[in-house]
Amino acid sequence: MIETLRLEHDVRAPRRARHWIIQRCDEWQCGALADSAALMVTELVTNAFLHARTDCVVHAAFTAPTLRVTVTDEDSREISAKSLSHTEERGRGLVIIAALADTWGVEHHAGTKSVWFDLSG
């Protein structure tokens, strides 16, 4: 099962992505993954909103037992999960992805960047 959500560069995009992935998890009967997937897609869409400042596309695919979510934006700059002090309030998005995902990665293609993660349940 594969679904796609296109999001305009809008402050409401992270919330829309969160609700959308929860609905997909319910439809695909992988509800046990919904909370983690919702947190993670919210982080990635927020990163696209704040840093890429472009529209983005969310792809979700479920082949039991694995859910893969990919967020693609139009900013090909390199990104990484950085080391943070415990007092920093921002910059934790990819750290959260790395902590919760079974696997995750970043791919660059012709002026775009895709960040993806896999969750299994």
Protein backbone atom coordinates (compact mmCIF):
# COMPACT_ATOMS: atom_id res chain seq x y z
CA MET A 1 0.00 0.00 0.00
CA ILE A 2 1.34 3.40 -1.01
CA GLU A 3 -0.10 6.88 -0.46
CA THR A 4 1.16 10.40 -1.20
CA LEU A 5 0.39 13.74 0.45
CA ARG A 6 1.46 17.02 -1.14
CA LEU A 7 1.89 19.91 1.28
CA GLU A 8 2.28 23.59 0.55
CA HIS A 9 4.85 25.59 2.50
CA ASP A 10 2.42 26.47 5.28
CA VAL A 11 2.63 26.54 9.07
CA ARG A 12 -0.20 23.97 9.17
CA ALA A 13 1.73 21.41 7.09
CA PRO A 14 3.21 19.47 10.06
CA ARG A 15 -0.23 19.05 11.65
CA ARG A 16 -1.72 17.90 8.35
CA ALA A 17 1.07 15.36 7.88
CA ARG A 18 0.61 14.07 11.43
CA HIS A 19 -3.14 13.52 11.03
CA TRP A 20 -2.63 12.00 7.57
CA ILE A 21 -0.09 9.39 8.73
CA ILE A 22 -2.29 8.42 11.69
CA GLN A 23 -5.16 7.82 9.25
CA ARG A 24 -2.92 5.72 6.97
CA CYS A 25 -1.78 3.61 9.93
CA ASP A 26 -5.40 3.03 10.94
CA GLU A 27 -6.42 2.10 7.38
CA TRP A 28 -3.45 -0.20 6.92
CA GLN A 29 -3.95 -1.88 10.30
CA CYS A 30 -0.54 -0.87 11.59
CA GLY A 31 -1.89 1.32 14.37
CA ALA A 32 0.88 0.26 16.76
CA LEU A 33 3.24 2.35 14.60
CA ALA A 34 1.00 5.43 14.50
CA ASP A 35 2.38 7.37 17.48
CA SER A 36 6.02 7.05 16.46
CA ALA A 37 5.23 7.66 12.79
CA ALA A 38 3.20 10.76 13.68
CA LEU A 39 6.01 12.22 15.79
CA MET A 40 8.61 11.47 13.15
CA VAL A 41 6.69 12.79 10.14
CA THR A 42 5.89 15.94 12.13
CA GLU A 43 9.61 16.46 12.76
CA LEU A 44 10.52 15.96 9.09
CA VAL A 45 7.78 18.22 7.72
CA THR A 46 8.68 20.85 10.32
CA ASN A 47 12.30 20.66 9.13
CA ALA A 48 11.13 21.14 5.54
CA PHE A 49 9.00 24.11 6.58
CA LEU A 50 11.71 25.81 8.66
CA HIS A 51 14.84 25.04 6.66
CA ALA A 52 13.93 24.20 3.06
CA ARG A 53 11.11 26.75 2.97
CA THR A 54 9.49 24.90 0.07
CA ASP A 55 6.47 22.74 -0.51
CA CYS A 56 7.06 19.10 0.35
CA VAL A 57 5.71 15.67 -0.49
CA VAL A 58 5.13 12.87 2.00
CA HIS A 59 5.10 9.28 0.75
CA ALA A 60 4.01 6.42 2.97
CA ALA A 61 4.28 2.76 2.04
CA PHE A 62 3.31 -0.24 4.15
CA THR A 63 4.39 -3.78 3.41
CA ALA A 64 3.83 -5.78 6.58
CA PRO A 65 5.50 -5.44 8.96
CA THR A 66 7.36 -2.30 7.75
CA LEU A 67 6.12 1.26 7.31
CA ARG A 68 8.36 3.54 5.26
CA VAL A 69 7.73 7.28 5.30
CA THR A 70 9.63 9.69 3.04
CA VAL A 71 9.51 13.49 3.09
CA THR A 72 10.88 15.21 -0.01
CA ASP A 73 11.53 18.94 -0.31
CA GLU A 74 13.19 21.20 -2.88
CA ASP A 75 16.34 21.93 -0.88
CA SER A 76 19.34 19.76 -1.71
CA ARG A 77 21.61 21.03 1.10
CA GLU A 78 23.27 18.38 3.27
CA ILE A 79 21.74 17.62 6.66
CA SER A 80 22.85 15.53 9.61
CA ALA A 81 21.81 14.53 13.10
CA LYS A 82 24.07 16.69 15.22
CA SER A 83 25.29 16.35 18.77
CA LEU A 84 23.37 18.63 21.11
CA SER A 85 23.76 19.80 24.65
CA HIS A 86 20.88 18.94 26.97
CA THR A 87 19.95 22.65 27.21
CA GLU A 88 19.38 23.28 23.49
CA GLU A 89 15.73 23.72 22.60
CA ARG A 90 15.97 23.27 18.83
CA GLY A 91 17.69 20.94 16.41
CA ARG A 92 16.45 17.63 17.77
CA GLY A 93 14.40 16.48 14.76
CA LEU A 94 16.93 14.12 13.19
CA VAL A 95 18.11 12.97 16.61
CA ILE A 96 14.53 11.84 17.28
CA ILE A 97 14.38 10.12 13.88
CA ALA A 98 17.66 8.31 14.55
CA ALA A 99 16.47 7.20 17.99
CA LEU A 100 13.05 5.87 16.94
CA ALA A 101 13.56 4.52 13.41
CA ASP A 102 14.59 0.98 12.61
CA THR A 103 16.57 2.54 9.77
CA TRP A 104 16.61 5.99 8.19
CA GLY A 105 18.51 7.94 5.59
CA VAL A 106 18.83 10.94 3.31
CA GLU A 107 18.90 10.89 -0.49
CA HIS A 108 19.70 13.77 -2.85
CA HIS A 109 18.34 13.97 -6.40
CA ALA A 110 18.47 16.88 -8.88
CA GLY A 111 17.75 19.76 -6.52
CA THR A 112 15.68 17.81 -4.00
CA LYS A 113 16.30 16.04 -0.73
CA SER A 114 14.39 13.07 0.65
CA VAL A 115 14.58 11.99 4.27
CA TRP A 116 13.06 8.58 4.97
CA PHE A 117 12.55 6.26 7.90
CA ASP A 118 11.37 2.70 8.43
CA LEU A 119 9.33 1.47 11.39
CA SER A 120 8.36 -2.14 12.00
CA GLY A 121 5.81 -3.54 14.36
